[in-house]
Amino acid sequence: MSADKGQPTNPEQPAKKSLPNGHYFKIMGYLLTAAWVGYILAISGGDTTHPMFDYIFVVPLAFWIGGMIIGKILRARSGADRP
């Protein structure tokens, strides 16, 4: 018998594992936070008296809190339960 090309040859082989969507958003949040901090450091030249330096942590914090609230709302609407 020849193996069907649409079926896996080993039926006991586990499915390919991947990260849940929430982890991708968290990684993206880390990268955007690092980019924002780098941007502020670049335009201010590391000068803590520069007006934009006031927003170095406030903007990422606001987006992280907003993202958590949006995630909680979406989880409640979809009926998904977090382990």
C-alpha atoms as a PDB file:
ATOM      1  CA  MET A   1       0.000   0.000   0.000  1.00  0.00           C
ATOM      2  CA  SER A   2       1.180   3.459  -0.728  1.00  0.00           C
ATOM      3  CA  ALA A   3       0.815   6.245   1.795  1.00  0.00           C
ATOM      4  CA  ASP A   4      -1.752   8.910   1.020  1.00  0.00           C
ATOM      5  CA  LYS A   5      -0.037  12.272   0.500  1.00  0.00           C
ATOM      6  CA  GLY A   6      -2.697  14.097   2.503  1.00  0.00           C
ATOM      7  CA  GLN A   7      -2.289  11.931   5.604  1.00  0.00           C
ATOM      8  CA  PRO A   8       0.710  11.917   7.945  1.00  0.00           C
ATOM      9  CA  THR A   9       2.747   8.719   7.875  1.00  0.00           C
ATOM     10  CA  ASN A  10       2.801   8.503  11.680  1.00  0.00           C
ATOM     11  CA  PRO A  11      -0.670   9.106  13.181  1.00  0.00           C
ATOM     12  CA  GLU A  12       0.766   9.256  16.735  1.00  0.00           C
ATOM     13  CA  GLN A  13       2.998  12.203  15.810  1.00  0.00           C
ATOM     14  CA  PRO A  14       2.031  15.234  17.931  1.00  0.00           C
ATOM     15  CA  ALA A  15       0.673  18.318  16.219  1.00  0.00           C
ATOM     16  CA  LYS A  16       3.071  21.165  15.557  1.00  0.00           C
ATOM     17  CA  LYS A  17       3.271  23.391  18.619  1.00  0.00           C
ATOM     18  CA  SER A  18       3.036  27.149  18.354  1.00  0.00           C
ATOM     19  CA  LEU A  19       2.631  30.073  20.699  1.00  0.00           C
ATOM     20  CA  PRO A  20      -0.840  31.316  21.579  1.00  0.00           C
ATOM     21  CA  ASN A  21      -1.780  34.646  20.005  1.00  0.00           C
ATOM     22  CA  GLY A  22      -1.408  36.441  23.341  1.00  0.00           C
ATOM     23  CA  HIS A  23       2.299  35.653  23.424  1.00  0.00           C
ATOM     24  CA  TYR A  24       2.829  37.242  20.023  1.00  0.00           C
ATOM     25  CA  PHE A  25       1.195  40.438  21.249  1.00  0.00           C
ATOM     26  CA  LYS A  26       3.342  40.395  24.389  1.00  0.00           C
ATOM     27  CA  ILE A  27       6.534  39.983  22.340  1.00  0.00           C
ATOM     28  CA  MET A  28       5.383  42.787  20.032  1.00  0.00           C
ATOM     29  CA  GLY A  29       4.740  44.951  23.117  1.00  0.00           C
ATOM     30  CA  TYR A  30       8.278  44.331  24.378  1.00  0.00           C
ATOM     31  CA  LEU A  31       9.746  45.266  21.018  1.00  0.00           C
ATOM     32  CA  LEU A  32       7.642  48.414  20.702  1.00  0.00           C
ATOM     33  CA  THR A  33       8.523  49.439  24.259  1.00  0.00           C
ATOM     34  CA  ALA A  34      12.231  49.003  23.547  1.00  0.00           C
ATOM     35  CA  ALA A  35      11.855  50.954  20.292  1.00  0.00           C
ATOM     36  CA  TRP A  36      10.056  53.793  22.099  1.00  0.00           C
ATOM     37  CA  VAL A  37      12.708  54.015  24.837  1.00  0.00           C
ATOM     38  CA  GLY A  38      15.451  53.977  22.193  1.00  0.00           C
ATOM     39  CA  TYR A  39      13.660  56.677  20.203  1.00  0.00           C
ATOM     40  CA  ILE A  40      13.307  58.939  23.244  1.00  0.00           C
ATOM     41  CA  LEU A  41      16.940  58.404  24.192  1.00  0.00           C
ATOM     42  CA  ALA A  42      18.000  59.224  20.628  1.00  0.00           C
ATOM     43  CA  ILE A  43      16.022  62.450  20.279  1.00  0.00           C
ATOM     44  CA  SER A  44      16.821  63.660  23.788  1.00  0.00           C
ATOM     45  CA  GLY A  45      20.464  62.667  23.615  1.00  0.00           C
ATOM     46  CA  GLY A  46      20.109  61.054  27.035  1.00  0.00           C
ATOM     47  CA  ASP A  47      19.371  64.458  28.580  1.00  0.00           C
ATOM     48  CA  THR A  48      16.846  63.916  31.368  1.00  0.00           C
ATOM     49  CA  THR A  49      15.831  67.590  31.291  1.00  0.00           C
ATOM     50  CA  HIS A  50      14.599  67.294  27.681  1.00  0.00           C
ATOM     51  CA  PRO A  51      10.765  67.708  27.512  1.00  0.00           C
ATOM     52  CA  MET A  52      10.253  64.407  25.652  1.00  0.00           C
ATOM     53  CA  PHE A  53      12.090  62.488  28.379  1.00  0.00           C
ATOM     54  CA  ASP A  54       8.993  62.909  30.574  1.00  0.00           C
ATOM     55  CA  TYR A  55       7.167  60.453  28.297  1.00  0.00           C
ATOM     56  CA  ILE A  56       9.811  57.712  28.232  1.00  0.00           C
ATOM     57  CA  PHE A  57       7.851  55.452  30.610  1.00  0.00           C
ATOM     58  CA  VAL A  58       4.378  57.025  30.634  1.00  0.00           C
ATOM     59  CA  VAL A  59       3.515  56.175  27.006  1.00  0.00           C
ATOM     60  CA  PRO A  60       4.531  52.478  27.144  1.00  0.00           C
ATOM     61  CA  LEU A  61       2.792  52.079  30.502  1.00  0.00           C
ATOM     62  CA  ALA A  62      -0.427  53.555  29.101  1.00  0.00           C
ATOM     63  CA  PHE A  63      -0.307  51.211  26.111  1.00  0.00           C
ATOM     64  CA  TRP A  64       0.403  48.154  28.282  1.00  0.00           C
ATOM     65  CA  ILE A  65      -2.549  48.990  30.561  1.00  0.00           C
ATOM     66  CA  GLY A  66      -4.774  49.663  27.535  1.00  0.00           C
ATOM     67  CA  GLY A  67      -3.721  46.386  25.952  1.00  0.00           C
ATOM     68  CA  MET A  68      -4.510  44.464  29.129  1.00  0.00           C
ATOM     69  CA  ILE A  69      -7.975  46.033  29.314  1.00  0.00           C
ATOM     70  CA  ILE A  70      -8.682  45.305  25.642  1.00  0.00           C
ATOM     71  CA  GLY A  71      -7.441  41.729  26.068  1.00  0.00           C
ATOM     72  CA  LYS A  72      -9.691  41.202  29.068  1.00  0.00           C
ATOM     73  CA  ILE A  73     -12.709  42.548  27.156  1.00  0.00           C
ATOM     74  CA  LEU A  74     -11.972  40.360  24.123  1.00  0.00           C
ATOM     75  CA  ARG A  75     -11.511  37.271  26.305  1.00  0.00           C
ATOM     76  CA  ALA A  76     -14.841  37.954  28.037  1.00  0.00           C
ATOM     77  CA  ARG A  77     -16.645  38.390  24.709  1.00  0.00           C
ATOM     78  CA  SER A  78     -15.170  35.271  23.138  1.00  0.00           C
ATOM     79  CA  GLY A  79     -15.853  33.121  26.177  1.00  0.00           C
ATOM     80  CA  ALA A  80     -12.247  31.942  26.281  1.00  0.00           C
ATOM     81  CA  ASP A  81     -10.917  31.052  29.676  1.00  0.00           C
ATOM     82  CA  ARG A  82      -7.320  31.679  30.622  1.00  0.00           C
ATOM     83  CA  PRO A  83      -5.571  28.728  32.284  1.00  0.00           C
END
